Amino acid sequence: MAKRGGFSGGMPGNMNNLMKQAQRMQHQMEEASKEMEGKEVTATAGGGVIEVTATGKKEIKKITISPDAVDPEDVETLEDLVMAAVNEALRKVDEISQDSMSKFTGGLGGGMLGM
């Protein structure tokens, strides 16, 4: 009788081990994700006249604007500074998240998280 799929008799045990490892890794990634939700990052722009704090869930928690940044004649610069600080805060959240997840995906190859 021909072997189905070319697997040897010892494969089911290895498959069970792989499944256990995958479940363990999934649990660890869920824990890391929960931990990320509790983290906060702060970013500044304009030499510190704008400060933005974001959570690990990419929610803006706080924006501080120094009176020195407020010029009624130049609202566009203030808008640009706020946008820059928000984008930097969100970039930091992404960076921390990627660093955290890379602990679990380091040996799995590049595109595993995007699946």
C-alpha atoms as a PDB file:
ATOM      1  CA  MET A   1       0.000   0.000   0.000  1.00  0.00           C
ATOM      2  CA  ALA A   2       1.379   3.407  -0.952  1.00  0.00           C
ATOM      3  CA  LYS A   3       2.125   6.022   1.670  1.00  0.00           C
ATOM      4  CA  ARG A   4      -0.303   8.922   1.618  1.00  0.00           C
ATOM      5  CA  GLY A   5       1.335  12.304   1.150  1.00  0.00           C
ATOM      6  CA  GLY A   6       4.800  10.887   1.640  1.00  0.00           C
ATOM      7  CA  PHE A   7       4.732  11.214   5.440  1.00  0.00           C
ATOM      8  CA  SER A   8       6.556   8.691   7.549  1.00  0.00           C
ATOM      9  CA  GLY A   9       5.014   6.962  10.535  1.00  0.00           C
ATOM     10  CA  GLY A  10       6.665   9.359  13.031  1.00  0.00           C
ATOM     11  CA  MET A  11       5.112  12.520  11.627  1.00  0.00           C
ATOM     12  CA  PRO A  12       1.939  12.694  13.770  1.00  0.00           C
ATOM     13  CA  GLY A  13       4.036  13.159  16.920  1.00  0.00           C
ATOM     14  CA  ASN A  14       6.015  15.935  15.280  1.00  0.00           C
ATOM     15  CA  MET A  15       2.784  17.536  14.096  1.00  0.00           C
ATOM     16  CA  ASN A  16       1.460  17.492  17.662  1.00  0.00           C
ATOM     17  CA  ASN A  17       4.639  19.174  18.864  1.00  0.00           C
ATOM     18  CA  LEU A  18       4.338  21.800  16.152  1.00  0.00           C
ATOM     19  CA  MET A  19       0.710  22.448  17.096  1.00  0.00           C
ATOM     20  CA  LYS A  20       1.640  22.812  20.772  1.00  0.00           C
ATOM     21  CA  GLN A  21       4.445  25.215  19.866  1.00  0.00           C
ATOM     22  CA  ALA A  22       2.098  27.232  17.655  1.00  0.00           C
ATOM     23  CA  GLN A  23      -0.495  27.432  20.422  1.00  0.00           C
ATOM     24  CA  ARG A  24       2.158  28.475  22.928  1.00  0.00           C
ATOM     25  CA  MET A  25       3.458  31.140  20.546  1.00  0.00           C
ATOM     26  CA  GLN A  26      -0.073  32.384  19.883  1.00  0.00           C
ATOM     27  CA  HIS A  27      -0.683  32.705  23.626  1.00  0.00           C
ATOM     28  CA  GLN A  28       2.607  34.589  24.083  1.00  0.00           C
ATOM     29  CA  MET A  29       1.726  36.935  21.209  1.00  0.00           C
ATOM     30  CA  GLU A  30      -1.701  37.600  22.735  1.00  0.00           C
ATOM     31  CA  GLU A  31      -0.031  38.430  26.054  1.00  0.00           C
ATOM     32  CA  ALA A  32       2.431  40.756  24.304  1.00  0.00           C
ATOM     33  CA  SER A  33      -0.466  42.439  22.514  1.00  0.00           C
ATOM     34  CA  LYS A  34      -2.279  42.995  25.821  1.00  0.00           C
ATOM     35  CA  GLU A  35       0.924  44.389  27.290  1.00  0.00           C
ATOM     36  CA  MET A  36       1.222  46.780  24.324  1.00  0.00           C
ATOM     37  CA  GLU A  37      -2.242  48.153  25.034  1.00  0.00           C
ATOM     38  CA  GLY A  38      -1.023  49.361  28.425  1.00  0.00           C
ATOM     39  CA  LYS A  39       2.063  51.111  27.080  1.00  0.00           C
ATOM     40  CA  GLU A  40       2.316  54.798  26.291  1.00  0.00           C
ATOM     41  CA  VAL A  41       4.745  56.691  24.100  1.00  0.00           C
ATOM     42  CA  THR A  42       5.411  60.411  23.904  1.00  0.00           C
ATOM     43  CA  ALA A  43       6.710  62.322  20.914  1.00  0.00           C
ATOM     44  CA  THR A  44       7.506  65.993  20.421  1.00  0.00           C
ATOM     45  CA  ALA A  45       7.801  68.401  17.520  1.00  0.00           C
ATOM     46  CA  GLY A  46       9.060  71.918  17.053  1.00  0.00           C
ATOM     47  CA  GLY A  47      11.779  71.546  19.636  1.00  0.00           C
ATOM     48  CA  GLY A  48       9.301  70.384  22.260  1.00  0.00           C
ATOM     49  CA  VAL A  49       6.565  73.001  21.810  1.00  0.00           C
ATOM     50  CA  ILE A  50       4.155  70.211  20.823  1.00  0.00           C
ATOM     51  CA  GLU A  51       3.976  66.980  22.815  1.00  0.00           C
ATOM     52  CA  VAL A  52       1.739  64.020  21.982  1.00  0.00           C
ATOM     53  CA  THR A  53       1.151  60.937  24.094  1.00  0.00           C
ATOM     54  CA  ALA A  54      -0.326  57.838  22.444  1.00  0.00           C
ATOM     55  CA  THR A  55      -1.293  54.452  23.833  1.00  0.00           C
ATOM     56  CA  GLY A  56      -0.183  51.099  22.504  1.00  0.00           C
ATOM     57  CA  LYS A  57      -3.629  50.862  20.907  1.00  0.00           C
ATOM     58  CA  LYS A  58      -2.721  53.883  18.730  1.00  0.00           C
ATOM     59  CA  GLU A  59      -5.096  56.180  20.554  1.00  0.00           C
ATOM     60  CA  ILE A  60      -4.003  59.736  21.250  1.00  0.00           C
ATOM     61  CA  LYS A  61      -4.228  60.217  24.988  1.00  0.00           C
ATOM     62  CA  LYS A  62      -2.865  63.725  25.402  1.00  0.00           C
ATOM     63  CA  ILE A  63      -1.694  66.685  23.333  1.00  0.00           C
ATOM     64  CA  THR A  64       0.219  69.534  24.966  1.00  0.00           C
ATOM     65  CA  ILE A  65       0.776  72.751  23.049  1.00  0.00           C
ATOM     66  CA  SER A  66       3.121  75.380  24.412  1.00  0.00           C
ATOM     67  CA  PRO A  67       1.817  78.948  24.170  1.00  0.00           C
ATOM     68  CA  ASP A  68       5.018  79.695  22.228  1.00  0.00           C
ATOM     69  CA  ALA A  69       3.674  77.520  19.404  1.00  0.00           C
ATOM     70  CA  VAL A  70       0.455  79.500  19.038  1.00  0.00           C
ATOM     71  CA  ASP A  71       0.627  82.265  16.442  1.00  0.00           C
ATOM     72  CA  PRO A  72      -2.805  83.349  15.165  1.00  0.00           C
ATOM     73  CA  GLU A  73      -1.091  84.577  12.007  1.00  0.00           C
ATOM     74  CA  ASP A  74       0.443  81.166  11.299  1.00  0.00           C
ATOM     75  CA  VAL A  75      -2.041  78.427  12.152  1.00  0.00           C
ATOM     76  CA  GLU A  76      -0.630  76.233   9.382  1.00  0.00           C
ATOM     77  CA  THR A  77       2.693  75.800  11.175  1.00  0.00           C
ATOM     78  CA  LEU A  78       0.887  74.759  14.357  1.00  0.00           C
ATOM     79  CA  GLU A  79      -1.156  72.233  12.385  1.00  0.00           C
ATOM     80  CA  ASP A  80       2.023  70.844  10.810  1.00  0.00           C
ATOM     81  CA  LEU A  81       3.730  70.538  14.209  1.00  0.00           C
ATOM     82  CA  VAL A  82       0.760  68.709  15.722  1.00  0.00           C
ATOM     83  CA  MET A  83       0.597  66.364  12.748  1.00  0.00           C
ATOM     84  CA  ALA A  84       4.341  65.677  12.957  1.00  0.00           C
ATOM     85  CA  ALA A  85       4.164  64.884  16.675  1.00  0.00           C
ATOM     86  CA  VAL A  86       1.133  62.601  16.221  1.00  0.00           C
ATOM     87  CA  ASN A  87       2.789  60.734  13.361  1.00  0.00           C
ATOM     88  CA  GLU A  88       5.990  60.315  15.375  1.00  0.00           C
ATOM     89  CA  ALA A  89       4.053  58.971  18.372  1.00  0.00           C
ATOM     90  CA  LEU A  90       2.238  56.446  16.171  1.00  0.00           C
ATOM     91  CA  ARG A  91       5.533  55.457  14.530  1.00  0.00           C
ATOM     92  CA  LYS A  92       6.978  54.795  17.995  1.00  0.00           C
ATOM     93  CA  VAL A  93       3.994  52.579  18.869  1.00  0.00           C
ATOM     94  CA  ASP A  94       4.564  50.595  15.660  1.00  0.00           C
ATOM     95  CA  GLU A  95       8.265  50.264  16.427  1.00  0.00           C
ATOM     96  CA  ILE A  96       7.653  48.993  19.963  1.00  0.00           C
ATOM     97  CA  SER A  97       4.987  46.602  18.678  1.00  0.00           C
ATOM     98  CA  GLN A  98       7.278  45.203  15.980  1.00  0.00           C
ATOM     99  CA  ASP A  99      10.111  44.786  18.484  1.00  0.00           C
ATOM    100  CA  SER A 100       7.775  42.962  20.843  1.00  0.00           C
ATOM    101  CA  MET A 101       6.399  40.631  18.172  1.00  0.00           C
ATOM    102  CA  SER A 102       9.811  39.916  16.653  1.00  0.00           C
ATOM    103  CA  LYS A 103      10.644  37.935  19.805  1.00  0.00           C
ATOM    104  CA  PHE A 104       8.110  35.366  18.642  1.00  0.00           C
ATOM    105  CA  THR A 105       8.513  35.547  14.874  1.00  0.00           C
ATOM    106  CA  GLY A 106      12.283  35.941  14.609  1.00  0.00           C
ATOM    107  CA  GLY A 107      12.871  32.553  13.033  1.00  0.00           C
ATOM    108  CA  LEU A 108       9.699  32.328  10.975  1.00  0.00           C
ATOM    109  CA  GLY A 109      10.636  34.450   7.988  1.00  0.00           C
ATOM    110  CA  GLY A 110       9.572  37.897   6.854  1.00  0.00           C
ATOM    111  CA  GLY A 111       5.941  37.751   5.834  1.00  0.00           C
ATOM    112  CA  MET A 112       4.333  35.661   8.577  1.00  0.00           C
ATOM    113  CA  LEU A 113       2.581  38.544  10.361  1.00  0.00           C
ATOM    114  CA  GLY A 114       1.027  39.864   7.196  1.00  0.00           C
ATOM    115  CA  MET A 115      -0.862  36.620   6.534  1.00  0.00           C
END
